[in-house]
Each structure stands twice: as structure tokens, then as C-alpha cells.
Amino acid sequence: MWTVKGRKVYLGLGVTDGRKAINGLGLLVESQLKQELLSGDLFAFCTRSRSLVKILYWDKNGFCLWQKRLEKEKFKWPETDAEVKEIKSEELAWLLAGLDIEQAHKELRYSVMC
């Protein structure tokens, strides 16, 4: 897989037409997700059948479109009322591996009281 360190990862939640390619997904990034298309960040979309994920990103001098299609299983795509969800790069790897990132342990933040 490509290097995603230093890049943000955004999931386009809901259903995306699997026929969309670079231009169609680019329009979704700017109009629906309200994100900067040329930022180098990764934008992931999933189809209604949950068997296809497409990831669009800008890489130095052109767009890259990556996709993964499952033959038997389904992706555990997050369900929410929001249109976009920012996740960590390791969460993207977990999602592509078939794990449910919504059921992952939440990060705890502690502070020391003096």
C-alpha cells in the first residue's frame, strides 16, 4: 500500500455510485465533503453493496484512484448522519482489512492534577 503518513484520511459516508471515477469523486470531495481536492489527503468512498471502496488523492502532479473490491465479504463502513468522517491512517488499514473501526477502543486522554 502507499504511504499515508502525514496525510489526513476522510471517509465519504453514505453510499457512493461505484461508476464514479476521478472527476465524479473529485466533485464529491469539494461539494459534499467540503474538502480541498489538491491537498494530498485521501478521500475514501464505498458503494451500496459495501463490496467496493475507492480512494482518491492528489500525488504531486496528478490524481490517483485506488480501489479494492471484495469477492465474498463486505466492508464494515461506518454508519452515521454525518457526510464526512476523518480517521487515522491505521484506521483506514483496519477498515480495508475488514475490521469495524466504530467498535475499536476509544483513545483515552489523561492529565496530571497538581
Protein backbone atom coordinates (compact mmCIF):
# COMPACT_ATOMS: atom_id res chain seq x y z
CA MET A 1 0.00 0.00 0.00
CA TRP A 2 1.07 3.61 -0.43
CA THR A 3 2.44 5.82 2.32
CA VAL A 4 -0.29 7.72 4.13
CA LYS A 5 1.76 9.17 6.99
CA GLY A 6 1.34 12.91 7.14
CA ARG A 7 -1.86 12.76 5.11
CA LYS A 8 -5.35 13.05 6.50
CA VAL A 9 -7.91 10.40 5.60
CA TYR A 10 -11.55 11.30 5.05
CA LEU A 11 -14.40 8.85 4.57
CA GLY A 12 -17.30 9.93 2.42
CA LEU A 13 -20.11 8.39 4.43
CA GLY A 14 -23.27 7.04 2.95
CA VAL A 15 -23.47 5.42 -0.46
CA THR A 16 -21.38 6.40 -3.48
CA ASP A 17 -22.05 5.35 -7.05
CA GLY A 18 -19.35 2.79 -7.91
CA ARG A 19 -19.25 4.04 -11.51
CA LYS A 20 -17.79 7.38 -10.44
CA ALA A 21 -14.17 7.89 -11.45
CA ILE A 22 -11.70 10.70 -10.74
CA ASN A 23 -13.85 13.60 -11.97
CA GLY A 24 -17.05 12.45 -10.26
CA LEU A 25 -15.34 11.65 -6.97
CA GLY A 26 -13.45 14.95 -7.14
CA LEU A 27 -16.75 16.80 -7.35
CA LEU A 28 -17.98 14.91 -4.27
CA VAL A 29 -14.84 15.87 -2.34
CA GLU A 30 -15.36 19.56 -2.99
CA SER A 31 -19.16 19.83 -2.92
CA GLN A 32 -20.29 17.17 -0.43
CA LEU A 33 -17.25 16.74 1.83
CA LYS A 34 -16.21 20.42 1.61
CA GLN A 35 -12.51 19.49 1.45
CA GLU A 36 -9.59 20.72 -0.66
CA LEU A 37 -9.14 18.26 -3.51
CA LEU A 38 -5.46 19.08 -4.18
CA SER A 39 -4.37 18.80 -0.52
CA GLY A 40 -2.82 15.35 -0.91
CA ASP A 41 -5.26 13.97 1.66
CA LEU A 42 -7.03 10.68 0.97
CA PHE A 43 -10.76 10.55 0.27
CA ALA A 44 -12.42 7.14 0.55
CA PHE A 45 -15.87 6.16 -0.72
CA CYS A 46 -17.88 2.94 -0.53
CA THR A 47 -20.67 1.55 -2.72
CA ARG A 48 -24.17 0.49 -1.63
CA SER A 49 -23.18 -3.19 -1.75
CA ARG A 50 -20.24 -2.45 0.61
CA SER A 51 -18.03 -4.61 -1.60
CA LEU A 52 -16.09 -1.78 -3.31
CA VAL A 53 -14.02 1.04 -1.81
CA LYS A 54 -12.41 3.76 -3.92
CA ILE A 55 -9.74 6.12 -2.62
CA LEU A 56 -8.90 9.35 -4.44
CA TYR A 57 -5.87 11.54 -3.74
CA TRP A 58 -3.58 14.07 -5.39
CA ASP A 59 0.06 12.99 -5.68
CA LYS A 60 2.50 15.73 -6.76
CA ASN A 61 1.42 16.07 -10.39
CA GLY A 62 -1.77 14.08 -10.87
CA PHE A 63 -4.70 12.27 -9.32
CA CYS A 64 -4.51 8.69 -8.13
CA LEU A 65 -7.54 6.45 -7.85
CA TRP A 66 -7.14 3.25 -5.87
CA GLN A 67 -9.85 0.67 -5.40
CA LYS A 68 -10.41 -2.58 -3.57
CA ARG A 69 -13.25 -4.94 -4.45
CA LEU A 70 -14.16 -7.79 -2.15
CA GLU A 71 -15.32 -11.02 -3.75
CA LYS A 72 -17.19 -12.52 -0.77
CA GLU A 73 -17.21 -10.21 2.26
CA LYS A 74 -18.43 -6.67 2.85
CA PHE A 75 -16.62 -3.64 4.23
CA LYS A 76 -17.75 -2.51 7.67
CA TRP A 77 -18.32 1.07 6.54
CA PRO A 78 -19.30 3.49 9.35
CA GLU A 79 -22.98 4.44 9.54
CA THR A 80 -23.70 7.96 10.75
CA ASP A 81 -25.71 11.05 9.90
CA ALA A 82 -22.53 12.97 9.08
CA GLU A 83 -21.37 13.28 5.46
CA VAL A 84 -17.66 13.00 6.22
CA LYS A 85 -15.56 11.36 8.89
CA GLU A 86 -11.86 11.97 9.45
CA ILE A 87 -9.96 8.86 10.51
CA LYS A 88 -6.35 7.94 11.19
CA SER A 89 -4.25 6.13 8.60
CA GLU A 90 -4.13 2.98 10.73
CA GLU A 91 -7.93 3.02 10.93
CA LEU A 92 -8.05 3.06 7.13
CA ALA A 93 -5.82 -0.02 7.09
CA TRP A 94 -8.11 -1.72 9.62
CA LEU A 95 -11.19 -0.83 7.57
CA LEU A 96 -9.64 -2.23 4.39
CA ALA A 97 -8.69 -5.39 6.32
CA GLY A 98 -12.33 -5.92 7.30
CA LEU A 99 -12.38 -4.56 10.83
CA ASP A 100 -15.13 -2.36 12.25
CA ILE A 101 -13.46 0.91 13.27
CA GLU A 102 -16.60 2.03 15.10
CA GLN A 103 -16.06 -0.77 17.64
CA ALA A 104 -12.38 -0.03 18.23
CA HIS A 105 -11.33 1.13 21.67
CA LYS A 106 -11.54 4.90 22.01
CA GLU A 107 -8.39 6.83 22.85
CA LEU A 108 -8.25 7.95 26.48
CA ARG A 109 -6.64 11.23 27.44
CA TYR A 110 -5.48 11.76 30.98
CA SER A 111 -3.97 14.79 32.62
CA VAL A 112 -1.99 15.06 35.82
CA MET A 113 -3.60 17.15 38.55
CA CYS A 114 -1.16 19.02 40.79
